C-alpha atoms as a PDB file:
ATOM      1  CA  MET A   1     127.661 148.375  96.904  1.00  0.00           C
ATOM      2  CA  LYS A   2     124.523 147.418  94.994  1.00  0.00           C
ATOM      3  CA  LEU A   3     126.440 144.871  92.908  1.00  0.00           C
ATOM      4  CA  VAL A   4     127.985 143.243  95.982  1.00  0.00           C
ATOM      5  CA  HIS A   5     124.681 143.111  97.881  1.00  0.00           C
ATOM      6  CA  GLU A   6     122.570 141.795  95.021  1.00  0.00           C
ATOM      7  CA  LYS A   7     124.941 139.621  93.003  1.00  0.00           C
ATOM      8  CA  VAL A   8     127.764 138.511  95.305  1.00  0.00           C
ATOM      9  CA  THR A   9     125.922 137.978  98.588  1.00  0.00           C
ATOM     10  CA  GLY A  10     122.489 137.358  97.084  1.00  0.00           C
ATOM     11  CA  HIS A  11     120.581 139.772  99.340  1.00  0.00           C
ATOM     12  CA  LEU A  12     122.023 138.323 102.515  1.00  0.00           C
ATOM     13  CA  ARG A  13     122.311 140.275 105.746  1.00  0.00           C
ATOM     14  CA  VAL A  14     124.338 143.397 106.446  1.00  0.00           C
ATOM     15  CA  GLU A  15     127.270 141.427 107.901  1.00  0.00           C
ATOM     16  CA  LYS A  16     127.765 139.322 104.751  1.00  0.00           C
ATOM     17  CA  THR A  17     127.540 142.383 102.530  1.00  0.00           C
ATOM     18  CA  GLN A  18     130.036 144.265 104.697  1.00  0.00           C
ATOM     19  CA  SER A  19     132.415 141.314 104.673  1.00  0.00           C
ATOM     20  CA  GLN A  20     132.384 141.109 100.889  1.00  0.00           C
ATOM     21  CA  LEU A  21     132.536 144.877 100.382  1.00  0.00           C
ATOM     22  CA  GLN A  22     135.487 145.204 102.768  1.00  0.00           C
ATOM     23  CA  ARG A  23     137.524 143.024 100.382  1.00  0.00           C
ATOM     24  CA  ARG A  24     136.707 145.258  97.423  1.00  0.00           C
ATOM     25  CA  GLY A  25     136.946 148.865  98.607  1.00  0.00           C
ATOM     26  CA  TYR A  26     136.913 151.496 101.342  1.00  0.00           C
ATOM     27  CA  TRP A  27     135.448 154.949 101.990  1.00  0.00           C
ATOM     28  CA  HIS A  28     134.648 157.007 105.057  1.00  0.00           C
ATOM     29  CA  ASN A  29     131.635 155.589 107.006  1.00  0.00           C
ATOM     30  CA  TRP A  30     131.266 152.656 104.610  1.00  0.00           C
ATOM     31  CA  ARG A  31     129.795 150.359 107.293  1.00  0.00           C
ATOM     32  CA  ARG A  32     127.014 152.830 108.045  1.00  0.00           C
ATOM     33  CA  ASP A  33     126.299 153.216 104.337  1.00  0.00           C
ATOM     34  CA  VAL A  34     126.001 149.434 103.917  1.00  0.00           C
ATOM     35  CA  LYS A  35     123.562 149.209 106.853  1.00  0.00           C
ATOM     36  CA  LEU A  36     121.404 151.953 105.370  1.00  0.00           C
ATOM     37  CA  PHE A  37     121.527 150.398 101.908  1.00  0.00           C
ATOM     38  CA  CYS A  38     120.518 146.948 103.186  1.00  0.00           C
ATOM     39  CA  ARG A  39     117.719 148.364 105.357  1.00  0.00           C
ATOM     40  CA  ASN A  40     116.301 150.178 102.319  1.00  0.00           C
ATOM     41  CA  CYS A  41     116.701 147.294  99.846  1.00  0.00           C
ATOM     42  CA  VAL A  42     113.262 146.681  98.325  1.00  0.00           C
ATOM     43  CA  SER A  43     113.902 142.977  97.628  1.00  0.00           C
ATOM     44  CA  CYS A  44     115.136 142.288 101.165  1.00  0.00           C
ATOM     45  CA  ASN A  45     112.190 144.085 102.748  1.00  0.00           C
ATOM     46  CA  LYS A  46     109.668 142.460 100.432  1.00  0.00           C
ATOM     47  CA  TYR A  47     110.697 138.898 101.322  1.00  0.00           C
ATOM     48  CA  HIS A  48     111.756 139.358 104.952  1.00  0.00           C
ATOM     49  CA  ARG A  49     110.570 136.304 106.880  1.00  0.00           C
ATOM     50  CA  GLY A  50     110.983 137.706 110.372  1.00  0.00           C
ATOM     51  CA  ALA A  51     113.082 136.416 113.209  1.00  0.00           C
ATOM     52  CA  ILE A  52     114.321 132.852 113.116  1.00  0.00           C
ATOM     53  CA  PRO A  53     112.220 130.749 115.508  1.00  0.00           C
ATOM     54  CA  LYS A  54     113.969 129.612 118.664  1.00  0.00           C
ATOM     55  CA  GLN A  55     114.879 125.973 118.775  1.00  0.00           C
ATOM     56  CA  GLY A  56     115.535 123.706 121.717  1.00  0.00           C
ATOM     57  CA  GLN A  57     118.885 122.346 122.772  1.00  0.00           C
ATOM     58  CA  LEU A  58     120.341 119.484 120.777  1.00  0.00           C
ATOM     59  CA  GLN A  59     119.643 116.093 122.302  1.00  0.00           C
ATOM     60  CA  ASP A  60     121.944 113.100 122.537  1.00  0.00           C
ATOM     61  CA  THR A  61     120.791 110.689 119.803  1.00  0.00           C
ATOM     62  CA  ARG A  62     123.412 107.982 120.124  1.00  0.00           C
ATOM     63  CA  VAL A  63     122.251 104.391 119.948  1.00  0.00           C
ATOM     64  CA  GLY A  64     124.256 101.220 120.356  1.00  0.00           C
ATOM     65  CA  ALA A  65     122.224  98.443 118.761  1.00  0.00           C
ATOM     66  CA  PRO A  66     119.773  97.787 115.945  1.00  0.00           C
ATOM     67  CA  MET A  67     116.145  98.592 116.829  1.00  0.00           C
ATOM     68  CA  GLN A  68     117.184 100.402 119.995  1.00  0.00           C
ATOM     69  CA  ARG A  69     115.266 103.428 118.722  1.00  0.00           C
ATOM     70  CA  LEU A  70     112.752 103.481 115.882  1.00  0.00           C
ATOM     71  CA  GLN A  71     111.909 106.871 114.394  1.00  0.00           C
ATOM     72  CA  ILE A  72     108.465 107.077 112.803  1.00  0.00           C
ATOM     73  CA  ASP A  73     106.487 109.696 110.891  1.00  0.00           C
ATOM     74  CA  ILE A  74     103.589 110.062 108.450  1.00  0.00           C
ATOM     75  CA  THR A  75     103.821 111.873 105.114  1.00  0.00           C
ATOM     76  CA  GLY A  76     100.968 112.849 102.866  1.00  0.00           C
ATOM     77  CA  VAL A  77      98.464 113.577 101.478  1.00  0.00           C
ATOM     78  CA  HIS A  78     100.004 112.107  98.312  1.00  0.00           C
ATOM     79  CA  PRO A  79      98.237 111.527  94.985  1.00  0.00           C
ATOM     80  CA  LYS A  80      95.899 108.568  95.309  1.00  0.00           C
ATOM     81  CA  SER A  81      97.423 105.271  94.182  1.00  0.00           C
ATOM     82  CA  ASP A  82      95.591 102.520  92.283  1.00  0.00           C
ATOM     83  CA  ASN A  83      94.607 100.900  95.591  1.00  0.00           C
ATOM     84  CA  ASP A  84      93.497 104.200  97.219  1.00  0.00           C
ATOM     85  CA  MET A  85      96.593 104.806  99.357  1.00  0.00           C
ATOM     86  CA  ILE A  86      97.306 108.488 100.115  1.00  0.00           C
ATOM     87  CA  TYR A  87      99.623 108.472 103.176  1.00  0.00           C
ATOM     88  CA  THR A  88     103.007 106.900 103.884  1.00  0.00           C
ATOM     89  CA  LEU A  89     104.230 105.658 107.248  1.00  0.00           C
ATOM     90  CA  THR A  90     108.016 105.771 107.426  1.00  0.00           C
ATOM     91  CA  ALA A  91     109.979 103.958 110.106  1.00  0.00           C
ATOM     92  CA  VAL A  92     113.761 104.267 110.364  1.00  0.00           C
ATOM     93  CA  CYS A  93     116.079 102.343 112.683  1.00  0.00           C
ATOM     94  CA  ALA A  94     118.359 104.989 114.231  1.00  0.00           C
ATOM     95  CA  PHE A  95     121.331 102.589 114.409  1.00  0.00           C
ATOM     96  CA  THR A  96     121.304 100.897 110.992  1.00  0.00           C
ATOM     97  CA  LYS A  97     119.368 103.620 109.110  1.00  0.00           C
ATOM     98  CA  PHE A  98     117.226 100.835 107.630  1.00  0.00           C
ATOM     99  CA  ALA A  99     113.987 102.406 106.456  1.00  0.00           C
ATOM    100  CA  VAL A 100     110.538 100.936 105.947  1.00  0.00           C
ATOM    101  CA  ALA A 101     107.815 102.787 104.056  1.00  0.00           C
ATOM    102  CA  VAL A 102     104.214 101.593 104.255  1.00  0.00           C
ATOM    103  CA  ALA A 103     101.397 102.984 102.131  1.00  0.00           C
ATOM    104  CA  LEU A 104      98.255 103.809 104.096  1.00  0.00           C
ATOM    105  CA  PRO A 105      94.692 104.665 103.033  1.00  0.00           C
ATOM    106  CA  ASP A 106      94.227 106.977 106.039  1.00  0.00           C
ATOM    107  CA  LYS A 107      96.160 108.036 109.111  1.00  0.00           C
ATOM    108  CA  SER A 108      93.812 106.856 111.808  1.00  0.00           C
ATOM    109  CA  ALA A 109      95.300 105.456 115.001  1.00  0.00           C
ATOM    110  CA  THR A 110      94.207 101.883 114.263  1.00  0.00           C
ATOM    111  CA  THR A 111      95.556 101.935 110.695  1.00  0.00           C
ATOM    112  CA  VAL A 112      98.924 103.340 111.732  1.00  0.00           C
ATOM    113  CA  THR A 113      99.320 100.996 114.693  1.00  0.00           C
ATOM    114  CA  GLN A 114      98.357  97.930 112.644  1.00  0.00           C
ATOM    115  CA  ALA A 115     100.794  98.914 109.867  1.00  0.00           C
ATOM    116  CA  LEU A 116     103.546  99.412 112.444  1.00  0.00           C
ATOM    117  CA  ILE A 117     102.918  95.982 113.975  1.00  0.00           C
ATOM    118  CA  ASP A 118     102.588  94.128 110.641  1.00  0.00           C
ATOM    119  CA  ASN A 119     105.434  95.774 108.736  1.00  0.00           C
ATOM    120  CA  VAL A 120     107.973  96.646 111.412  1.00  0.00           C
ATOM    121  CA  VAL A 121     107.558  94.788 114.704  1.00  0.00           C
ATOM    122  CA  LEU A 122     106.677  91.379 113.245  1.00  0.00           C
ATOM    123  CA  LYS A 123     109.312  91.558 110.480  1.00  0.00           C
ATOM    124  CA  LEU A 124     112.225  93.391 112.117  1.00  0.00           C
ATOM    125  CA  GLY A 125     111.647  92.895 115.814  1.00  0.00           C
ATOM    126  CA  GLN A 126     110.502  94.956 118.739  1.00  0.00           C
ATOM    127  CA  PRO A 127     112.207  98.332 119.199  1.00  0.00           C
ATOM    128  CA  SER A 128     113.337  99.473 122.638  1.00  0.00           C
ATOM    129  CA  SER A 129     111.883 102.924 122.011  1.00  0.00           C
ATOM    130  CA  ILE A 130     109.788 104.711 119.391  1.00  0.00           C
ATOM    131  CA  HIS A 131     110.451 108.339 118.558  1.00  0.00           C
ATOM    132  CA  SER A 132     107.761 110.395 116.794  1.00  0.00           C
ATOM    133  CA  ASP A 133     106.263 113.855 116.539  1.00  0.00           C
ATOM    134  CA  LEU A 134     103.095 114.866 118.349  1.00  0.00           C
ATOM    135  CA  GLY A 135     100.724 113.696 115.602  1.00  0.00           C
ATOM    136  CA  ARG A 136      97.376 112.363 116.809  1.00  0.00           C
ATOM    137  CA  GLU A 137      98.082 109.093 115.021  1.00  0.00           C
ATOM    138  CA  PHE A 138     101.013 108.540 117.439  1.00  0.00           C
ATOM    139  CA  GLU A 139      99.683 110.184 120.608  1.00  0.00           C
ATOM    140  CA  ASN A 140      96.605 108.116 121.421  1.00  0.00           C
ATOM    141  CA  SER A 141      95.402 105.321 123.667  1.00  0.00           C
ATOM    142  CA  ILE A 142      95.994 102.588 121.057  1.00  0.00           C
ATOM    143  CA  MET A 143      99.677 103.484 120.626  1.00  0.00           C
ATOM    144  CA  LYS A 144     100.082 103.833 124.403  1.00  0.00           C
ATOM    145  CA  GLU A 145      98.522 100.398 124.873  1.00  0.00           C
ATOM    146  CA  LEU A 146     100.856  98.877 122.259  1.00  0.00           C
ATOM    147  CA  CYS A 147     103.929 100.453 123.830  1.00  0.00           C
ATOM    148  CA  GLY A 148     102.805  99.489 127.337  1.00  0.00           C
ATOM    149  CA  ARG A 149     102.186  95.837 126.478  1.00  0.00           C
ATOM    150  CA  LEU A 150     105.441  95.446 124.536  1.00  0.00           C
ATOM    151  CA  GLY A 151     107.543  97.464 126.986  1.00  0.00           C
ATOM    152  CA  ILE A 152     108.469 100.114 124.421  1.00  0.00           C
ATOM    153  CA  ASP A 153     109.431 103.622 125.560  1.00  0.00           C
ATOM    154  CA  LYS A 154     107.512 106.238 123.542  1.00  0.00           C
ATOM    155  CA  ASN A 155     109.342 109.554 123.015  1.00  0.00           C
ATOM    156  CA  THR A 156     108.210 112.645 121.155  1.00  0.00           C
ATOM    157  CA  TYR A 157     109.790 115.744 119.672  1.00  0.00           C
ATOM    158  CA  TYR A 158     108.346 119.091 118.742  1.00  0.00           C
ATOM    159  CA  ALA A 159     108.507 119.771 115.026  1.00  0.00           C
ATOM    160  CA  VAL A 160     109.522 123.335 114.180  1.00  0.00           C
ATOM    161  CA  PRO A 161     107.228 124.802 111.495  1.00  0.00           C
ATOM    162  CA  GLN A 162     109.022 125.668 108.282  1.00  0.00           C
END
């Protein structure tokens, strides 16, 4: 039982251990013994991460044309480049999967909006909608003004913490 739980299933749950053990042997009350063994496993209890967080329903993400939906996000803080850039704005067209990455010195609303206009809208065209997380660089009056003037729908999603 110890070999199956530790080596074969890699400290996975009771069900996986029972499934693998069922293929290899049988004894009276073996399922109960596996539950007790897994509950008392030091490695499993030491690294238990708790219940899996609930997630929302899947959303329809189909698009039918290039630049119908632009998905944007900021990554960083990265190591400082030679020209003092530490963030990256990424913009991906949901239809073509064409990606644009723009180095940024900070993630202020004006910097992000200007980079989006200069590197995406003026070069690739105006998207019908922009999809982002709830970062302050995307949820502000400047971005709302941009989307309002250009007629862009602004959508958000809730990022699940890892």
